[in-house]
Protein backbone atom coordinates (compact mmCIF):
# COMPACT_ATOMS: atom_id res chain seq x y z
CA MET A 1 -9.52 -6.37 14.76
CA THR A 2 -6.94 -8.16 16.56
CA CYS A 3 -3.76 -9.60 15.98
CA ALA A 4 -1.73 -12.37 17.26
CA ARG A 5 1.28 -11.29 19.52
CA ALA A 6 4.53 -13.00 19.62
CA ALA A 7 6.83 -12.86 22.75
CA GLN A 8 8.26 -9.02 23.51
CA GLY A 9 5.08 -7.57 21.69
CA SER A 10 6.01 -7.65 18.69
CA ILE A 11 3.33 -8.60 16.20
CA ASN A 12 3.44 -12.69 14.89
CA LEU A 13 3.81 -12.49 10.91
CA ASN A 14 1.65 -15.76 10.36
CA GLY A 15 -1.03 -12.69 12.05
CA ILE A 16 -0.59 -10.28 9.61
CA LEU A 17 -0.22 -12.10 6.47
CA ASP A 18 -3.98 -14.17 7.86
CA LEU A 19 -5.47 -10.37 8.24
CA VAL A 20 -3.86 -8.39 5.47
CA PHE A 21 -2.93 -10.86 2.83
CA LEU A 22 -3.42 -14.15 2.79
CA PRO A 23 -6.20 -15.29 5.03
CA ASN A 24 -5.82 -19.27 6.00
CA LYS A 25 -3.34 -19.26 3.24
CA SER A 26 -0.30 -19.13 5.56
CA ASP A 27 0.75 -22.54 4.71
CA GLN A 28 1.45 -21.11 1.22
CA ILE A 29 4.41 -19.17 2.86
CA GLN A 30 8.24 -19.89 2.90
CA MET A 31 11.13 -19.07 4.51
CA LEU A 32 14.28 -19.27 2.52
CA PRO A 33 17.35 -19.20 4.19
CA THR A 34 19.81 -17.85 1.24
CA TYR A 35 19.75 -15.60 -1.60
CA GLU A 36 20.64 -17.98 -4.11
CA LYS A 37 17.61 -20.62 -2.82
CA HIS A 38 15.57 -16.95 -3.23
CA MET A 39 16.77 -16.53 -6.81
CA ASP A 40 16.17 -20.95 -7.61
CA LYS A 41 12.56 -20.49 -6.35
CA LEU A 42 12.05 -17.43 -8.40
CA VAL A 43 13.48 -19.08 -11.54
CA ALA A 44 11.41 -21.85 -10.93
CA GLU A 45 8.32 -19.96 -10.37
CA VAL A 46 8.86 -18.22 -13.15
CA ASN A 47 9.97 -21.06 -15.48
CA LYS A 48 6.27 -22.40 -14.52
CA SER A 49 4.21 -19.73 -15.74
CA LYS A 50 1.79 -20.50 -18.66
CA ARG A 51 0.08 -16.93 -19.33
CA SER A 52 1.44 -14.38 -17.88
CA ILE A 53 4.28 -12.72 -15.36
CA MET A 54 4.50 -9.55 -13.55
CA PHE A 55 7.11 -9.27 -11.62
CA ALA A 56 8.39 -5.98 -9.58
CA SER A 57 11.98 -5.68 -7.73
CA LYS A 58 14.40 -3.14 -6.99
CA ASN A 59 17.39 -5.42 -8.00
CA ILE A 60 17.14 -8.22 -10.54
CA ASP A 61 19.73 -10.91 -10.81
CA MET A 62 20.70 -12.09 -14.23
CA LYS A 63 19.02 -15.87 -13.58
CA ILE A 64 15.81 -14.38 -13.25
CA ILE A 65 16.13 -12.20 -16.30
CA ASP A 66 17.44 -14.97 -18.51
CA SER A 67 14.22 -17.35 -17.30
CA LEU A 68 12.08 -14.16 -17.85
CA ILE A 69 13.22 -14.02 -21.50
CA GLU A 70 12.87 -17.82 -21.66
CA SER A 71 9.33 -17.28 -20.45
CA MET A 72 8.70 -14.23 -23.33
CA ASN A 73 10.09 -16.81 -26.02
CA ARG A 74 7.54 -19.50 -24.63
CA GLY A 75 4.46 -16.59 -25.61
CA VAL A 76 4.20 -15.90 -21.74
CA LYS A 77 3.39 -12.26 -21.26
CA VAL A 78 6.03 -10.25 -18.81
CA GLU A 79 5.67 -7.41 -17.67
CA VAL A 80 8.71 -6.10 -15.29
CA ILE A 81 8.28 -2.87 -13.00
CA SER A 82 12.49 -1.73 -11.87
CA GLU A 83 14.55 0.44 -11.52
CA LYS A 84 15.31 1.90 -15.41
CA TYR A 85 18.81 2.36 -15.67
CA ASP A 86 20.05 -1.17 -13.66
CA PHE A 87 17.30 -2.94 -15.52
CA GLU A 88 18.50 -1.61 -19.04
CA ASP A 89 21.94 -2.41 -17.73
CA LYS A 90 21.48 -5.87 -16.85
CA ILE A 91 19.86 -5.99 -20.09
CA ASN A 92 22.43 -4.77 -22.47
CA LYS A 93 25.29 -6.90 -20.40
CA LEU A 94 22.78 -10.19 -21.32
CA GLN A 95 23.17 -9.22 -24.90
CA MET A 96 26.69 -8.61 -24.81
CA MET A 97 27.30 -11.65 -23.63
CA LEU A 98 24.94 -13.77 -25.71
CA SER A 99 26.01 -12.43 -29.29
CA PRO A 100 28.55 -13.52 -31.40
């Protein structure tokens, strides 16, 4: 097995991705410059989902929670892996904000 090498002996990210995760699909990978752009991209992907979403994250932004709830209301199957207390706390805060 060979890896593409970058300057200073570090492993080239595209080489790793081609070998491990996404053979011939590295053109689909995007570098998002800010946290806000990252969240906007995730929300857009969640909103495009039609059948199911499997979401795993240590931290979940309120925008993501809102889009996941909207997806569930559209009939999309949603599965989330997160820190128990963090996710439950955010859901509780969202429910408090949305309740009359």
